[in-house]
Amino acid sequence: MQRPMNWLTGLRLTLLAVVVAVAACTPIVQNHGYTPSDEELAAIAVGRDTRDSVIATYGPPSAEGVVSGGAIYYVSSVWETVGPFKPKEVSREVVAVTFDRGGRVANVTRYGLDHGQVVVLSRRVTTDNVDDRTFIRQLLGNFGRPNVGDFVAN
C-alpha cells in the first residue's frame, strides 16, 4: 500500500519546482572584448599621443584599419542567453582612435549598438557552365570535336 503524500512534502516539491524554474530563466551573461572607459580615454591627448603610446596605455586593439597607420579599434560586447534560446547581443561598444598623417591622435570616438548598421554583402559567383551532365558524359562529349587550330594555316 502506498503512503499518502503529506502537505509538507508537497510544499517542498512545489518550492523545488519554483526554484528550478526561476534558475532556468536567469540570463547567462558573457562579456567579450575590452573598451577603455571615458575616464581612461580622457588621458589621450589629441595631437600629442601616438599609436605606440595608445597601445602602450590600453593594450593591443581588437582590430586595426586596413591602411598602414590607420585607425585602431577597441571592441567589447555583452551577450545574454536565457534558457534554451539563442544568445542575444544586448550591448556593444567600439572605441575608434584615428591618427593624422604625422601619426598623432586625430580623434577618439565611441560608438554603441545603436550606431550599427546592417551591411548587405553580395557575392559574385561564377557559374561552372555544367548543365547537369555526368562526368562520363562530359568526358566523352569532347571526342570527335574538331580543333580549330588544326585548320588554321601557320
C-alpha atoms as a PDB file:
ATOM      1  CA  MET A   1       0.000   0.000   0.000  1.00  0.00           C
ATOM      2  CA  GLN A   2       1.302   3.477  -0.948  1.00  0.00           C
ATOM      3  CA  ARG A   3       1.785   6.025   1.746  1.00  0.00           C
ATOM      4  CA  PRO A   4      -0.138   9.256   1.076  1.00  0.00           C
ATOM      5  CA  MET A   5       1.962  12.352   0.485  1.00  0.00           C
ATOM      6  CA  ASN A   6       1.625  14.828   3.334  1.00  0.00           C
ATOM      7  CA  TRP A   7       1.290  18.561   2.788  1.00  0.00           C
ATOM      8  CA  LEU A   8       4.892  19.295   3.851  1.00  0.00           C
ATOM      9  CA  THR A   9       6.307  17.030   1.145  1.00  0.00           C
ATOM     10  CA  GLY A  10       4.018  18.651  -1.433  1.00  0.00           C
ATOM     11  CA  LEU A  11       5.165  22.100  -0.323  1.00  0.00           C
ATOM     12  CA  ARG A  12       8.818  21.068  -0.644  1.00  0.00           C
ATOM     13  CA  LEU A  13       8.284  19.715  -4.156  1.00  0.00           C
ATOM     14  CA  THR A  14       6.430  22.871  -5.185  1.00  0.00           C
ATOM     15  CA  LEU A  15       9.190  25.061  -3.754  1.00  0.00           C
ATOM     16  CA  LEU A  16      11.825  22.985  -5.557  1.00  0.00           C
ATOM     17  CA  ALA A  17       9.933  23.324  -8.855  1.00  0.00           C
ATOM     18  CA  VAL A  18       9.700  27.113  -8.421  1.00  0.00           C
ATOM     19  CA  VAL A  19      13.430  27.400  -7.654  1.00  0.00           C
ATOM     20  CA  VAL A  20      14.331  25.301 -10.718  1.00  0.00           C
ATOM     21  CA  ALA A  21      12.009  27.365 -12.960  1.00  0.00           C
ATOM     22  CA  VAL A  22      13.461  30.670 -11.736  1.00  0.00           C
ATOM     23  CA  ALA A  23      17.036  29.403 -12.126  1.00  0.00           C
ATOM     24  CA  ALA A  24      16.304  28.287 -15.695  1.00  0.00           C
ATOM     25  CA  CYS A  25      15.108  31.791 -16.608  1.00  0.00           C
ATOM     26  CA  THR A  26      18.140  33.572 -15.172  1.00  0.00           C
ATOM     27  CA  PRO A  27      20.159  35.036 -18.044  1.00  0.00           C
ATOM     28  CA  ILE A  28      23.725  33.882 -18.571  1.00  0.00           C
ATOM     29  CA  VAL A  29      25.828  36.970 -19.327  1.00  0.00           C
ATOM     30  CA  GLN A  30      29.020  36.740 -21.379  1.00  0.00           C
ATOM     31  CA  ASN A  31      31.412  39.675 -21.818  1.00  0.00           C
ATOM     32  CA  HIS A  32      33.689  39.776 -24.864  1.00  0.00           C
ATOM     33  CA  GLY A  33      36.477  42.219 -25.629  1.00  0.00           C
ATOM     34  CA  TYR A  34      37.612  45.420 -23.940  1.00  0.00           C
ATOM     35  CA  THR A  35      36.930  49.126 -24.384  1.00  0.00           C
ATOM     36  CA  PRO A  36      38.560  51.801 -22.243  1.00  0.00           C
ATOM     37  CA  SER A  37      36.182  53.840 -20.059  1.00  0.00           C
ATOM     38  CA  ASP A  38      35.593  57.564 -20.649  1.00  0.00           C
ATOM     39  CA  GLU A  39      37.857  58.359 -17.691  1.00  0.00           C
ATOM     40  CA  GLU A  40      40.659  56.280 -19.197  1.00  0.00           C
ATOM     41  CA  LEU A  41      40.158  57.876 -22.622  1.00  0.00           C
ATOM     42  CA  ALA A  42      40.489  61.343 -21.082  1.00  0.00           C
ATOM     43  CA  ALA A  43      44.216  60.594 -20.721  1.00  0.00           C
ATOM     44  CA  ILE A  44      44.656  60.565 -24.508  1.00  0.00           C
ATOM     45  CA  ALA A  45      45.949  63.939 -25.719  1.00  0.00           C
ATOM     46  CA  VAL A  46      44.706  64.649 -29.237  1.00  0.00           C
ATOM     47  CA  GLY A  47      47.585  65.903 -31.386  1.00  0.00           C
ATOM     48  CA  ARG A  48      50.239  64.677 -28.932  1.00  0.00           C
ATOM     49  CA  ASP A  49      49.808  60.932 -28.323  1.00  0.00           C
ATOM     50  CA  THR A  50      50.876  58.415 -30.967  1.00  0.00           C
ATOM     51  CA  ARG A  51      49.761  54.923 -31.930  1.00  0.00           C
ATOM     52  CA  ASP A  52      52.520  53.414 -29.796  1.00  0.00           C
ATOM     53  CA  SER A  53      51.580  55.431 -26.713  1.00  0.00           C
ATOM     54  CA  VAL A  54      47.886  54.497 -27.069  1.00  0.00           C
ATOM     55  CA  ILE A  55      48.725  50.801 -27.430  1.00  0.00           C
ATOM     56  CA  ALA A  56      51.156  51.006 -24.504  1.00  0.00           C
ATOM     57  CA  THR A  57      48.431  52.575 -22.328  1.00  0.00           C
ATOM     58  CA  TYR A  58      45.404  50.432 -23.284  1.00  0.00           C
ATOM     59  CA  GLY A  59      46.955  47.287 -24.713  1.00  0.00           C
ATOM     60  CA  PRO A  60      46.661  45.847 -28.215  1.00  0.00           C
ATOM     61  CA  PRO A  61      43.476  46.828 -30.058  1.00  0.00           C
ATOM     62  CA  SER A  62      40.717  44.430 -31.093  1.00  0.00           C
ATOM     63  CA  ALA A  63      41.134  45.481 -34.730  1.00  0.00           C
ATOM     64  CA  GLU A  64      43.189  47.841 -36.864  1.00  0.00           C
ATOM     65  CA  GLY A  65      42.444  49.740 -40.034  1.00  0.00           C
ATOM     66  CA  VAL A  66      43.379  48.230 -43.364  1.00  0.00           C
ATOM     67  CA  VAL A  67      45.741  51.053 -44.274  1.00  0.00           C
ATOM     68  CA  SER A  68      49.093  51.029 -42.500  1.00  0.00           C
ATOM     69  CA  GLY A  69      48.935  53.647 -39.757  1.00  0.00           C
ATOM     70  CA  GLY A  70      45.136  53.748 -39.936  1.00  0.00           C
ATOM     71  CA  ALA A  71      42.689  53.774 -37.051  1.00  0.00           C
ATOM     72  CA  ILE A  72      42.709  51.293 -34.194  1.00  0.00           C
ATOM     73  CA  TYR A  73      39.530  49.894 -32.652  1.00  0.00           C
ATOM     74  CA  TYR A  74      38.742  48.574 -29.183  1.00  0.00           C
ATOM     75  CA  VAL A  75      35.562  46.483 -29.273  1.00  0.00           C
ATOM     76  CA  SER A  76      33.515  44.969 -26.453  1.00  0.00           C
ATOM     77  CA  SER A  77      30.103  43.314 -26.404  1.00  0.00           C
ATOM     78  CA  VAL A  78      27.758  41.753 -23.886  1.00  0.00           C
ATOM     79  CA  TRP A  79      25.682  38.683 -24.817  1.00  0.00           C
ATOM     80  CA  GLU A  80      22.797  37.235 -22.803  1.00  0.00           C
ATOM     81  CA  THR A  81      21.424  33.723 -23.057  1.00  0.00           C
ATOM     82  CA  VAL A  82      18.090  32.971 -21.397  1.00  0.00           C
ATOM     83  CA  GLY A  83      17.072  29.340 -21.080  1.00  0.00           C
ATOM     84  CA  PRO A  84      17.122  27.395 -24.327  1.00  0.00           C
ATOM     85  CA  PHE A  85      17.004  30.498 -26.556  1.00  0.00           C
ATOM     86  CA  LYS A  86      19.905  31.578 -28.740  1.00  0.00           C
ATOM     87  CA  PRO A  87      22.267  34.260 -27.365  1.00  0.00           C
ATOM     88  CA  LYS A  88      21.306  37.891 -27.950  1.00  0.00           C
ATOM     89  CA  GLU A  89      23.739  40.792 -28.092  1.00  0.00           C
ATOM     90  CA  VAL A  90      22.491  43.402 -25.609  1.00  0.00           C
ATOM     91  CA  SER A  91      25.412  45.822 -25.668  1.00  0.00           C
ATOM     92  CA  ARG A  92      28.279  46.677 -27.995  1.00  0.00           C
ATOM     93  CA  GLU A  93      30.828  49.436 -27.760  1.00  0.00           C
ATOM     94  CA  VAL A  94      33.511  50.391 -30.250  1.00  0.00           C
ATOM     95  CA  VAL A  95      36.180  52.952 -29.442  1.00  0.00           C
ATOM     96  CA  ALA A  96      37.854  54.214 -32.619  1.00  0.00           C
ATOM     97  CA  VAL A  97      41.152  56.077 -32.344  1.00  0.00           C
ATOM     98  CA  THR A  98      42.142  57.742 -35.621  1.00  0.00           C
ATOM     99  CA  PHE A  99      45.517  59.234 -36.485  1.00  0.00           C
ATOM    100  CA  ASP A 100      46.646  62.066 -38.733  1.00  0.00           C
ATOM    101  CA  ARG A 101      49.364  61.821 -41.396  1.00  0.00           C
ATOM    102  CA  GLY A 102      52.038  62.534 -38.793  1.00  0.00           C
ATOM    103  CA  GLY A 103      50.950  59.541 -36.706  1.00  0.00           C
ATOM    104  CA  ARG A 104      49.412  61.639 -33.904  1.00  0.00           C
ATOM    105  CA  VAL A 105      45.932  61.028 -32.478  1.00  0.00           C
ATOM    106  CA  ALA A 106      43.374  62.959 -34.541  1.00  0.00           C
ATOM    107  CA  ASN A 107      40.122  61.806 -32.914  1.00  0.00           C
ATOM    108  CA  VAL A 108      38.707  59.415 -30.329  1.00  0.00           C
ATOM    109  CA  THR A 109      35.123  58.274 -30.927  1.00  0.00           C
ATOM    110  CA  ARG A 110      32.867  55.866 -29.028  1.00  0.00           C
ATOM    111  CA  TYR A 111      30.107  54.026 -30.877  1.00  0.00           C
ATOM    112  CA  GLY A 112      27.320  51.922 -29.386  1.00  0.00           C
ATOM    113  CA  LEU A 113      24.987  49.210 -30.593  1.00  0.00           C
ATOM    114  CA  ASP A 114      22.538  51.898 -31.729  1.00  0.00           C
ATOM    115  CA  HIS A 115      25.126  53.198 -34.234  1.00  0.00           C
ATOM    116  CA  GLY A 116      25.385  49.842 -36.009  1.00  0.00           C
ATOM    117  CA  GLN A 117      24.071  49.331 -39.497  1.00  0.00           C
ATOM    118  CA  VAL A 118      23.233  46.146 -41.335  1.00  0.00           C
ATOM    119  CA  VAL A 119      25.639  45.780 -44.238  1.00  0.00           C
ATOM    120  CA  VAL A 120      24.455  43.609 -47.071  1.00  0.00           C
ATOM    121  CA  LEU A 121      27.320  41.637 -48.534  1.00  0.00           C
ATOM    122  CA  SER A 122      27.000  40.472 -52.095  1.00  0.00           C
ATOM    123  CA  ARG A 123      28.976  37.655 -53.534  1.00  0.00           C
ATOM    124  CA  ARG A 124      29.691  37.188 -57.200  1.00  0.00           C
ATOM    125  CA  VAL A 125      29.514  33.564 -58.107  1.00  0.00           C
ATOM    126  CA  THR A 126      30.852  32.275 -61.379  1.00  0.00           C
ATOM    127  CA  THR A 127      28.773  29.515 -62.885  1.00  0.00           C
ATOM    128  CA  ASP A 128      30.534  26.327 -63.829  1.00  0.00           C
ATOM    129  CA  ASN A 129      28.776  26.004 -67.232  1.00  0.00           C
ATOM    130  CA  VAL A 130      27.935  22.413 -66.485  1.00  0.00           C
ATOM    131  CA  ASP A 131      24.362  21.665 -67.458  1.00  0.00           C
ATOM    132  CA  ASP A 132      23.547  18.733 -65.221  1.00  0.00           C
ATOM    133  CA  ARG A 133      25.935  16.389 -67.020  1.00  0.00           C
ATOM    134  CA  THR A 134      27.645  13.429 -65.509  1.00  0.00           C
ATOM    135  CA  PHE A 135      31.413  13.145 -65.501  1.00  0.00           C
ATOM    136  CA  ILE A 136      31.377  10.395 -68.155  1.00  0.00           C
ATOM    137  CA  ARG A 137      29.116  12.465 -70.431  1.00  0.00           C
ATOM    138  CA  GLN A 138      31.453  15.471 -70.125  1.00  0.00           C
ATOM    139  CA  LEU A 139      34.494  13.292 -70.803  1.00  0.00           C
ATOM    140  CA  LEU A 140      33.029  11.548 -73.842  1.00  0.00           C
ATOM    141  CA  GLY A 141      31.405  14.745 -75.162  1.00  0.00           C
ATOM    142  CA  ASN A 142      34.771  16.086 -76.318  1.00  0.00           C
ATOM    143  CA  PHE A 143      35.608  13.128 -78.586  1.00  0.00           C
ATOM    144  CA  GLY A 144      35.130  13.892 -82.235  1.00  0.00           C
ATOM    145  CA  ARG A 145      35.029  17.675 -81.822  1.00  0.00           C
ATOM    146  CA  PRO A 146      37.349  19.335 -84.303  1.00  0.00           C
ATOM    147  CA  ASN A 147      40.094  21.639 -83.058  1.00  0.00           C
ATOM    148  CA  VAL A 148      40.107  24.987 -84.899  1.00  0.00           C
ATOM    149  CA  GLY A 149      43.902  25.142 -84.623  1.00  0.00           C
ATOM    150  CA  ASP A 150      44.169  22.095 -86.929  1.00  0.00           C
ATOM    151  CA  PHE A 151      42.526  24.031 -89.768  1.00  0.00           C
ATOM    152  CA  VAL A 152      44.372  27.333 -89.445  1.00  0.00           C
ATOM    153  CA  ALA A 153      47.486  27.640 -91.609  1.00  0.00           C
ATOM    154  CA  ASN A 154      50.600  28.769 -89.837  1.00  0.00           C
END
